[in-house]
Amino acid sequence: MERKEFEILVKRIRPRVLREAFHYVEDPDESEDITQDVMLKLWSMREHLEEYRSVEALAVVMAKHLSLNRRRSFGRFLRDLFPQDLEDEMTPESRTISKEEEKKLTRLIDSLPDVQQATLRMKHIDGMEVEEIAAMTGATVNAVRVNLSRARKKILSYYIK
């Protein structure tokens, strides 16, 4: 598939992929990130897209899976931060409070400097190892650890106040 054909395809399927991602993560910025990830994956698969009956269906399924993976990873991240708050049997009130805390945490992560934000997301939301993050970003393993530490401290300082 040529670049021009791919651009036409993306313009056609992007809104559907974005809606699918938003359906699961309920965050416009996160939905946009997921949509971009799907488009990048499709671009890397462009030579084989003709093998699929419906590229749009493939993209929607990819968006669903990426969204669910991010939600699961984010849930693990929250349980690591607040293990006592996330019990199996939660009251409706505590579920509402947890959702509000999740939104606050998302805003806190979004307020971090770009490098810390990206590093924290790759580690705790995408589940990558420090060495993988270092290889992807071109930073040293030690620099990745420092960025993670600083990001965690900033987030925890909000909750310690």
N, C-alpha and C. Protein backbone atom coordinates (compact mmCIF):
# COMPACT_ATOMS: atom_id res chain seq x y z
N MET A 1 0.85 -1.17 0.00
CA MET A 1 0.00 0.00 0.00
C MET A 1 0.90 1.24 0.00
N GLU A 2 0.59 2.15 -0.87
CA GLU A 2 1.35 3.39 -0.99
C GLU A 2 0.91 4.39 0.07
N ARG A 3 1.73 5.40 0.27
CA ARG A 3 1.46 6.39 1.30
C ARG A 3 0.13 7.11 1.06
N LYS A 4 -0.13 7.49 -0.16
CA LYS A 4 -1.36 8.22 -0.48
C LYS A 4 -2.59 7.36 -0.18
N GLU A 5 -2.54 6.08 -0.56
CA GLU A 5 -3.65 5.17 -0.27
C GLU A 5 -3.86 5.04 1.23
N PHE A 6 -2.75 4.96 1.96
CA PHE A 6 -2.84 4.82 3.41
C PHE A 6 -3.47 6.07 4.03
N GLU A 7 -3.09 7.24 3.55
CA GLU A 7 -3.66 8.48 4.07
C GLU A 7 -5.17 8.52 3.85
N ILE A 8 -5.61 8.08 2.70
CA ILE A 8 -7.05 8.04 2.40
C ILE A 8 -7.75 7.06 3.35
N LEU A 9 -7.15 5.91 3.55
CA LEU A 9 -7.70 4.91 4.46
C LEU A 9 -7.81 5.46 5.88
N VAL A 10 -6.75 6.12 6.35
CA VAL A 10 -6.73 6.67 7.71
C VAL A 10 -7.82 7.72 7.89
N LYS A 11 -7.99 8.59 6.90
CA LYS A 11 -9.03 9.62 7.00
C LYS A 11 -10.42 9.00 7.12
N ARG A 12 -10.59 7.85 6.48
CA ARG A 12 -11.89 7.19 6.50
C ARG A 12 -12.15 6.46 7.82
N ILE A 13 -11.14 5.77 8.36
CA ILE A 13 -11.39 4.91 9.53
C ILE A 13 -11.04 5.55 10.87
N ARG A 14 -10.29 6.65 10.85
CA ARG A 14 -9.83 7.27 12.09
C ARG A 14 -10.97 7.65 13.05
N PRO A 15 -12.05 8.28 12.58
CA PRO A 15 -13.13 8.64 13.51
C PRO A 15 -13.73 7.43 14.22
N ARG A 16 -13.88 6.34 13.51
CA ARG A 16 -14.44 5.13 14.13
C ARG A 16 -13.50 4.57 15.19
N VAL A 17 -12.21 4.56 14.88
CA VAL A 17 -11.21 4.06 15.83
C VAL A 17 -11.18 4.95 17.08
N LEU A 18 -11.26 6.25 16.87
CA LEU A 18 -11.27 7.19 17.99
C LEU A 18 -12.49 6.98 18.88
N ARG A 19 -13.65 6.78 18.29
CA ARG A 19 -14.87 6.52 19.07
C ARG A 19 -14.74 5.22 19.86
N GLU A 20 -14.17 4.21 19.23
CA GLU A 20 -14.00 2.91 19.91
C GLU A 20 -13.08 3.06 21.12
N ALA A 21 -11.98 3.76 20.94
CA ALA A 21 -11.04 3.97 22.05
C ALA A 21 -11.71 4.76 23.17
N PHE A 22 -12.43 5.81 22.81
CA PHE A 22 -13.10 6.64 23.81
C PHE A 22 -14.15 5.84 24.58
N HIS A 23 -14.80 4.93 23.91
CA HIS A 23 -15.81 4.09 24.55
C HIS A 23 -15.21 3.34 25.74
N TYR A 24 -13.96 2.93 25.63
CA TYR A 24 -13.34 2.14 26.70
C TYR A 24 -12.58 2.97 27.71
N VAL A 25 -11.88 4.02 27.29
CA VAL A 25 -11.05 4.76 28.25
C VAL A 25 -11.71 6.04 28.76
N GLU A 26 -12.71 6.55 28.04
CA GLU A 26 -13.46 7.73 28.44
C GLU A 26 -12.59 8.94 28.75
N ASP A 27 -11.51 9.07 28.00
CA ASP A 27 -10.61 10.21 28.15
C ASP A 27 -10.18 10.63 26.74
N PRO A 28 -10.49 11.85 26.34
CA PRO A 28 -10.18 12.27 24.96
C PRO A 28 -8.68 12.18 24.61
N ASP A 29 -7.82 12.58 25.53
CA ASP A 29 -6.39 12.53 25.25
C ASP A 29 -5.89 11.09 25.13
N GLU A 30 -6.33 10.25 26.03
CA GLU A 30 -5.93 8.85 26.00
C GLU A 30 -6.49 8.17 24.74
N SER A 31 -7.71 8.53 24.35
CA SER A 31 -8.31 7.99 23.13
C SER A 31 -7.49 8.38 21.91
N GLU A 32 -7.04 9.62 21.91
CA GLU A 32 -6.20 10.11 20.81
C GLU A 32 -4.89 9.34 20.74
N ASP A 33 -4.28 9.10 21.91
CA ASP A 33 -3.03 8.32 21.95
C ASP A 33 -3.24 6.91 21.41
N ILE A 34 -4.31 6.30 21.83
CA ILE A 34 -4.61 4.93 21.37
C ILE A 34 -4.84 4.92 19.86
N THR A 35 -5.56 5.90 19.37
CA THR A 35 -5.82 5.99 17.93
C THR A 35 -4.51 6.15 17.17
N GLN A 36 -3.63 6.99 17.68
CA GLN A 36 -2.32 7.15 17.04
C GLN A 36 -1.54 5.85 17.03
N ASP A 37 -1.59 5.12 18.16
CA ASP A 37 -0.90 3.83 18.23
C ASP A 37 -1.44 2.85 17.19
N VAL A 38 -2.76 2.84 17.02
CA VAL A 38 -3.38 1.96 16.04
C VAL A 38 -2.92 2.35 14.63
N MET A 39 -2.91 3.64 14.34
CA MET A 39 -2.49 4.08 13.01
C MET A 39 -1.03 3.73 12.75
N LEU A 40 -0.19 3.86 13.78
CA LEU A 40 1.22 3.47 13.62
C LEU A 40 1.36 1.97 13.35
N LYS A 41 0.58 1.18 14.06
CA LYS A 41 0.62 -0.27 13.84
C LYS A 41 0.15 -0.61 12.43
N LEU A 42 -0.91 0.06 11.99
CA LEU A 42 -1.40 -0.17 10.63
C LEU A 42 -0.34 0.23 9.60
N TRP A 43 0.33 1.35 9.86
CA TRP A 43 1.39 1.79 8.94
C TRP A 43 2.50 0.74 8.86
N SER A 44 2.86 0.18 10.00
CA SER A 44 3.91 -0.84 9.98
C SER A 44 3.45 -2.13 9.30
N MET A 45 2.14 -2.33 9.23
CA MET A 45 1.58 -3.52 8.59
C MET A 45 1.12 -3.24 7.16
N ARG A 46 1.37 -2.06 6.63
CA ARG A 46 0.76 -1.62 5.37
C ARG A 46 0.98 -2.58 4.21
N GLU A 47 2.09 -3.31 4.21
CA GLU A 47 2.38 -4.25 3.12
C GLU A 47 1.44 -5.46 3.15
N HIS A 48 0.83 -5.72 4.31
CA HIS A 48 -0.01 -6.91 4.47
C HIS A 48 -1.49 -6.59 4.65
N LEU A 49 -1.86 -5.33 4.56
CA LEU A 49 -3.25 -4.94 4.82
C LEU A 49 -4.22 -5.50 3.78
N GLU A 50 -3.73 -5.77 2.58
CA GLU A 50 -4.61 -6.32 1.54
C GLU A 50 -5.11 -7.71 1.90
N GLU A 51 -4.41 -8.38 2.81
CA GLU A 51 -4.79 -9.73 3.22
C GLU A 51 -6.04 -9.74 4.10
N TYR A 52 -6.40 -8.60 4.65
CA TYR A 52 -7.55 -8.51 5.54
C TYR A 52 -8.80 -8.13 4.76
N ARG A 53 -9.90 -8.74 5.13
CA ARG A 53 -11.17 -8.45 4.47
C ARG A 53 -11.61 -7.02 4.77
N SER A 54 -11.43 -6.59 6.04
CA SER A 54 -11.82 -5.24 6.43
C SER A 54 -10.74 -4.64 7.32
N VAL A 55 -10.04 -3.66 6.79
CA VAL A 55 -8.99 -2.98 7.57
C VAL A 55 -9.63 -2.17 8.69
N GLU A 56 -10.81 -1.65 8.43
CA GLU A 56 -11.51 -0.88 9.47
C GLU A 56 -11.83 -1.78 10.66
N ALA A 57 -12.31 -2.98 10.41
CA ALA A 57 -12.61 -3.92 11.50
C ALA A 57 -11.33 -4.27 12.25
N LEU A 58 -10.25 -4.47 11.54
CA LEU A 58 -8.96 -4.76 12.17
C LEU A 58 -8.56 -3.60 13.08
N ALA A 59 -8.69 -2.38 12.58
CA ALA A 59 -8.30 -1.20 13.36
C ALA A 59 -9.17 -1.05 14.60
N VAL A 60 -10.46 -1.32 14.47
CA VAL A 60 -11.37 -1.21 15.62
C VAL A 60 -11.01 -2.24 16.69
N VAL A 61 -10.72 -3.46 16.27
CA VAL A 61 -10.33 -4.50 17.22
C VAL A 61 -9.00 -4.13 17.89
N MET A 62 -8.08 -3.59 17.12
CA MET A 62 -6.80 -3.16 17.70
C MET A 62 -7.03 -2.06 18.75
N ALA A 63 -7.91 -1.12 18.44
CA ALA A 63 -8.21 -0.03 19.37
C ALA A 63 -8.83 -0.58 20.65
N LYS A 64 -9.73 -1.53 20.49
CA LYS A 64 -10.38 -2.14 21.66
C LYS A 64 -9.34 -2.81 22.55
N HIS A 65 -8.46 -3.59 21.95
CA HIS A 65 -7.46 -4.32 22.73
C HIS A 65 -6.47 -3.37 23.40
N LEU A 66 -6.01 -2.36 22.68
CA LEU A 66 -5.11 -1.39 23.29
C LEU A 66 -5.79 -0.65 24.44
N SER A 67 -7.05 -0.29 24.25
CA SER A 67 -7.79 0.41 25.30
C SER A 67 -7.93 -0.46 26.54
N LEU A 68 -8.31 -1.70 26.35
CA LEU A 68 -8.46 -2.61 27.48
C LEU A 68 -7.13 -2.85 28.18
N ASN A 69 -6.06 -2.99 27.41
CA ASN A 69 -4.74 -3.17 28.01
C ASN A 69 -4.35 -1.96 28.85
N ARG A 70 -4.61 -0.77 28.35
CA ARG A 70 -4.27 0.44 29.12
C ARG A 70 -5.11 0.54 30.38
N ARG A 71 -6.40 0.19 30.28
CA ARG A 71 -7.24 0.23 31.48
C ARG A 71 -6.76 -0.76 32.52
N ARG A 72 -6.41 -1.96 32.08
CA ARG A 72 -5.91 -2.97 33.03
C ARG A 72 -4.61 -2.50 33.66
N SER A 73 -3.71 -1.99 32.85
CA SER A 73 -2.43 -1.51 33.36
C SER A 73 -2.63 -0.36 34.32
N PHE A 74 -3.54 0.54 33.98
CA PHE A 74 -3.81 1.68 34.85
C PHE A 74 -4.42 1.21 36.17
N GLY A 75 -5.27 0.19 36.10
CA GLY A 75 -5.85 -0.38 37.32
C GLY A 75 -4.77 -0.97 38.21
N ARG A 76 -3.81 -1.67 37.61
CA ARG A 76 -2.69 -2.21 38.39
C ARG A 76 -1.89 -1.08 39.02
N PHE A 77 -1.68 -0.01 38.26
CA PHE A 77 -0.95 1.14 38.77
C PHE A 77 -1.66 1.74 39.97
N LEU A 78 -2.99 1.88 39.88
CA LEU A 78 -3.76 2.41 41.00
C LEU A 78 -3.70 1.48 42.21
N ARG A 79 -3.80 0.17 41.97
CA ARG A 79 -3.72 -0.78 43.09
C ARG A 79 -2.36 -0.71 43.77
N ASP A 80 -1.31 -0.46 43.00
CA ASP A 80 0.02 -0.31 43.59
C ASP A 80 0.10 0.94 44.45
N LEU A 81 -0.55 2.02 43.99
CA LEU A 81 -0.53 3.27 44.75
C LEU A 81 -1.46 3.23 45.97
N PHE A 82 -2.65 2.64 45.79
CA PHE A 82 -3.67 2.64 46.83
C PHE A 82 -4.19 1.23 47.08
N PRO A 83 -3.37 0.33 47.59
CA PRO A 83 -3.83 -1.06 47.74
C PRO A 83 -5.01 -1.21 48.71
N GLN A 84 -5.09 -0.39 49.74
CA GLN A 84 -6.16 -0.53 50.71
C GLN A 84 -7.48 0.01 50.18
N ASP A 85 -7.45 0.91 49.21
CA ASP A 85 -8.67 1.53 48.70
C ASP A 85 -9.40 0.69 47.66
N LEU A 86 -8.71 -0.24 47.03
CA LEU A 86 -9.31 -0.97 45.92
C LEU A 86 -9.56 -2.42 46.30
N GLU A 87 -10.57 -2.64 47.12
CA GLU A 87 -10.92 -3.99 47.52
C GLU A 87 -11.95 -4.55 46.55
N ASP A 88 -12.12 -5.86 46.58
CA ASP A 88 -13.05 -6.51 45.66
C ASP A 88 -14.48 -6.04 45.87
N GLU A 89 -14.89 -5.90 47.11
CA GLU A 89 -16.28 -5.52 47.39
C GLU A 89 -16.33 -4.04 47.76
N MET A 90 -16.55 -3.21 46.76
CA MET A 90 -16.58 -1.77 46.98
C MET A 90 -18.03 -1.30 46.98
N THR A 91 -18.32 -0.33 47.81
CA THR A 91 -19.65 0.27 47.82
C THR A 91 -19.74 1.22 46.63
N PRO A 92 -20.94 1.58 46.23
CA PRO A 92 -21.07 2.55 45.13
C PRO A 92 -20.35 3.87 45.44
N GLU A 93 -20.40 4.26 46.69
CA GLU A 93 -19.72 5.50 47.10
C GLU A 93 -18.22 5.38 46.90
N SER A 94 -17.64 4.26 47.33
CA SER A 94 -16.19 4.10 47.20
C SER A 94 -15.78 3.94 45.73
N ARG A 95 -16.66 3.36 44.90
CA ARG A 95 -16.37 3.27 43.46
C ARG A 95 -16.31 4.66 42.85
N THR A 96 -17.25 5.51 43.24
CA THR A 96 -17.28 6.88 42.73
C THR A 96 -16.02 7.63 43.16
N ILE A 97 -15.64 7.46 44.40
CA ILE A 97 -14.43 8.11 44.91
C ILE A 97 -13.22 7.59 44.15
N SER A 98 -13.16 6.29 43.88
CA SER A 98 -12.04 5.71 43.14
C SER A 98 -11.96 6.28 41.73
N LYS A 99 -13.11 6.45 41.08
CA LYS A 99 -13.12 7.02 39.74
C LYS A 99 -12.64 8.46 39.76
N GLU A 100 -13.04 9.21 40.79
CA GLU A 100 -12.58 10.59 40.93
C GLU A 100 -11.08 10.63 41.16
N GLU A 101 -10.57 9.72 41.99
CA GLU A 101 -9.13 9.64 42.24
C GLU A 101 -8.38 9.28 40.96
N GLU A 102 -8.96 8.39 40.18
CA GLU A 102 -8.33 8.01 38.91
C GLU A 102 -8.23 9.21 37.98
N LYS A 103 -9.29 10.02 37.93
CA LYS A 103 -9.26 11.22 37.09
C LYS A 103 -8.22 12.21 37.60
N LYS A 104 -8.14 12.38 38.94
CA LYS A 104 -7.13 13.27 39.51
C LYS A 104 -5.74 12.79 39.16
N LEU A 105 -5.53 11.49 39.28
CA LEU A 105 -4.22 10.91 38.99
C LEU A 105 -3.87 11.10 37.52
N THR A 106 -4.83 10.94 36.65
CA THR A 106 -4.59 11.16 35.22
C THR A 106 -4.19 12.61 34.97
N ARG A 107 -4.89 13.55 35.62
CA ARG A 107 -4.53 14.97 35.47
C ARG A 107 -3.14 15.25 36.03
N LEU A 108 -2.80 14.60 37.14
CA LEU A 108 -1.46 14.77 37.71
C LEU A 108 -0.39 14.26 36.75
N ILE A 109 -0.62 13.10 36.18
CA ILE A 109 0.34 12.55 35.23
C ILE A 109 0.47 13.48 34.03
N ASP A 110 -0.65 14.00 33.57
CA ASP A 110 -0.63 14.91 32.42
C ASP A 110 0.11 16.21 32.73
N SER A 111 0.20 16.59 34.01
CA SER A 111 0.87 17.83 34.38
C SER A 111 2.38 17.67 34.53
N LEU A 112 2.85 16.43 34.50
CA LEU A 112 4.30 16.18 34.62
C LEU A 112 5.02 16.67 33.37
N PRO A 113 6.32 16.97 33.51
CA PRO A 113 7.11 17.29 32.30
C PRO A 113 7.04 16.12 31.31
N ASP A 114 7.15 16.43 30.03
CA ASP A 114 6.95 15.44 28.98
C ASP A 114 7.78 14.17 29.16
N VAL A 115 9.05 14.33 29.51
CA VAL A 115 9.92 13.15 29.64
C VAL A 115 9.47 12.27 30.80
N GLN A 116 9.16 12.88 31.93
CA GLN A 116 8.70 12.11 33.09
C GLN A 116 7.35 11.46 32.80
N GLN A 117 6.47 12.20 32.15
CA GLN A 117 5.15 11.68 31.81
C GLN A 117 5.26 10.46 30.89
N ALA A 118 6.06 10.59 29.86
CA ALA A 118 6.22 9.49 28.90
C ALA A 118 6.86 8.28 29.58
N THR A 119 7.87 8.52 30.39
CA THR A 119 8.56 7.43 31.08
C THR A 119 7.61 6.71 32.04
N LEU A 120 6.85 7.47 32.80
CA LEU A 120 5.91 6.89 33.75
C LEU A 120 4.83 6.08 33.03
N ARG A 121 4.31 6.60 31.94
CA ARG A 121 3.29 5.88 31.18
C ARG A 121 3.85 4.58 30.60
N MET A 122 5.06 4.67 30.04
CA MET A 122 5.66 3.45 29.46
C MET A 122 5.88 2.39 30.53
N LYS A 123 6.31 2.79 31.70
CA LYS A 123 6.61 1.83 32.76
C LYS A 123 5.34 1.27 33.39
N HIS A 124 4.46 2.13 33.85
CA HIS A 124 3.33 1.68 34.65
C HIS A 124 2.04 1.43 33.87
N ILE A 125 1.87 2.08 32.77
CA ILE A 125 0.64 1.89 32.02
C ILE A 125 0.86 0.90 30.87
N ASP A 126 1.96 1.06 30.15
CA ASP A 126 2.25 0.14 29.04
C ASP A 126 2.99 -1.11 29.50
N GLY A 127 3.50 -1.10 30.75
CA GLY A 127 4.13 -2.29 31.31
C GLY A 127 5.52 -2.59 30.77
N MET A 128 6.22 -1.59 30.30
CA MET A 128 7.56 -1.81 29.74
C MET A 128 8.60 -1.85 30.85
N GLU A 129 9.69 -2.53 30.58
CA GLU A 129 10.81 -2.59 31.52
C GLU A 129 11.69 -1.36 31.32
N VAL A 130 12.48 -1.03 32.35
CA VAL A 130 13.35 0.14 32.30
C VAL A 130 14.32 0.06 31.11
N GLU A 131 14.85 -1.12 30.87
CA GLU A 131 15.79 -1.29 29.76
C GLU A 131 15.12 -1.03 28.41
N GLU A 132 13.87 -1.47 28.28
CA GLU A 132 13.12 -1.24 27.04
C GLU A 132 12.87 0.26 26.83
N ILE A 133 12.52 0.94 27.92
CA ILE A 133 12.27 2.38 27.84
C ILE A 133 13.54 3.10 27.43
N ALA A 134 14.65 2.70 28.03
CA ALA A 134 15.94 3.32 27.70
C ALA A 134 16.27 3.11 26.22
N ALA A 135 16.04 1.91 25.73
CA ALA A 135 16.33 1.63 24.32
C ALA A 135 15.42 2.45 23.40
N MET A 136 14.16 2.58 23.77
CA MET A 136 13.21 3.34 22.94
C MET A 136 13.51 4.83 22.92
N THR A 137 13.87 5.36 24.08
CA THR A 137 14.06 6.82 24.19
C THR A 137 15.48 7.26 23.90
N GLY A 138 16.41 6.31 23.90
CA GLY A 138 17.81 6.67 23.67
C GLY A 138 18.49 7.20 24.92
N ALA A 139 17.82 7.09 26.06
CA ALA A 139 18.39 7.54 27.33
C ALA A 139 19.13 6.37 27.99
N THR A 140 19.89 6.67 29.01
CA THR A 140 20.55 5.61 29.76
C THR A 140 19.55 4.99 30.73
N VAL A 141 19.84 3.79 31.18
CA VAL A 141 18.97 3.12 32.15
C VAL A 141 18.88 3.97 33.41
N ASN A 142 19.99 4.54 33.83
CA ASN A 142 20.00 5.37 35.03
C ASN A 142 19.12 6.61 34.85
N ALA A 143 19.16 7.24 33.68
CA ALA A 143 18.33 8.42 33.42
C ALA A 143 16.85 8.05 33.47
N VAL A 144 16.50 6.89 32.96
CA VAL A 144 15.10 6.44 33.00
C VAL A 144 14.68 6.25 34.45
N ARG A 145 15.53 5.63 35.25
CA ARG A 145 15.20 5.42 36.67
C ARG A 145 15.03 6.74 37.41
N VAL A 146 15.89 7.70 37.11
CA VAL A 146 15.80 9.02 37.74
C VAL A 146 14.49 9.69 37.35
N ASN A 147 14.13 9.64 36.07
CA ASN A 147 12.87 10.24 35.63
C ASN A 147 11.67 9.57 36.27
N LEU A 148 11.70 8.24 36.38
CA LEU A 148 10.62 7.53 37.07
C LEU A 148 10.51 7.95 38.52
N SER A 149 11.65 8.03 39.19
CA SER A 149 11.66 8.41 40.59
C SER A 149 11.10 9.81 40.79
N ARG A 150 11.53 10.74 39.96
CA ARG A 150 11.03 12.11 40.08
C ARG A 150 9.53 12.20 39.81
N ALA A 151 9.08 11.48 38.81
CA ALA A 151 7.65 11.49 38.49
C ALA A 151 6.83 10.92 39.64
N ARG A 152 7.29 9.80 40.18
CA ARG A 152 6.57 9.18 41.31
C ARG A 152 6.54 10.10 42.52
N LYS A 153 7.66 10.76 42.80
CA LYS A 153 7.72 11.68 43.94
C LYS A 153 6.74 12.83 43.78
N LYS A 154 6.65 13.38 42.58
CA LYS A 154 5.71 14.48 42.35
C LYS A 154 4.27 14.03 42.55
N ILE A 155 3.95 12.84 42.06
CA ILE A 155 2.58 12.34 42.22
C ILE A 155 2.31 12.03 43.69
N LEU A 156 3.22 11.38 44.35
CA LEU A 156 3.01 11.04 45.76
C LEU A 156 2.96 12.27 46.65
N SER A 157 3.70 13.32 46.28
CA SER A 157 3.67 14.54 47.10
C SER A 157 2.27 15.15 47.13
N TYR A 158 1.52 14.97 46.07
CA TYR A 158 0.15 15.46 46.03
C TYR A 158 -0.70 14.72 47.06
N TYR A 159 -0.49 13.44 47.22
CA TYR A 159 -1.31 12.63 48.12
C TYR A 159 -0.82 12.73 49.57
N ILE A 160 0.41 13.13 49.79
CA ILE A 160 0.93 13.25 51.15
C ILE A 160 0.52 14.57 51.78
N LYS A 161 0.26 15.59 50.97
CA LYS A 161 -0.12 16.92 51.50
C LYS A 161 -1.26 16.87 52.45
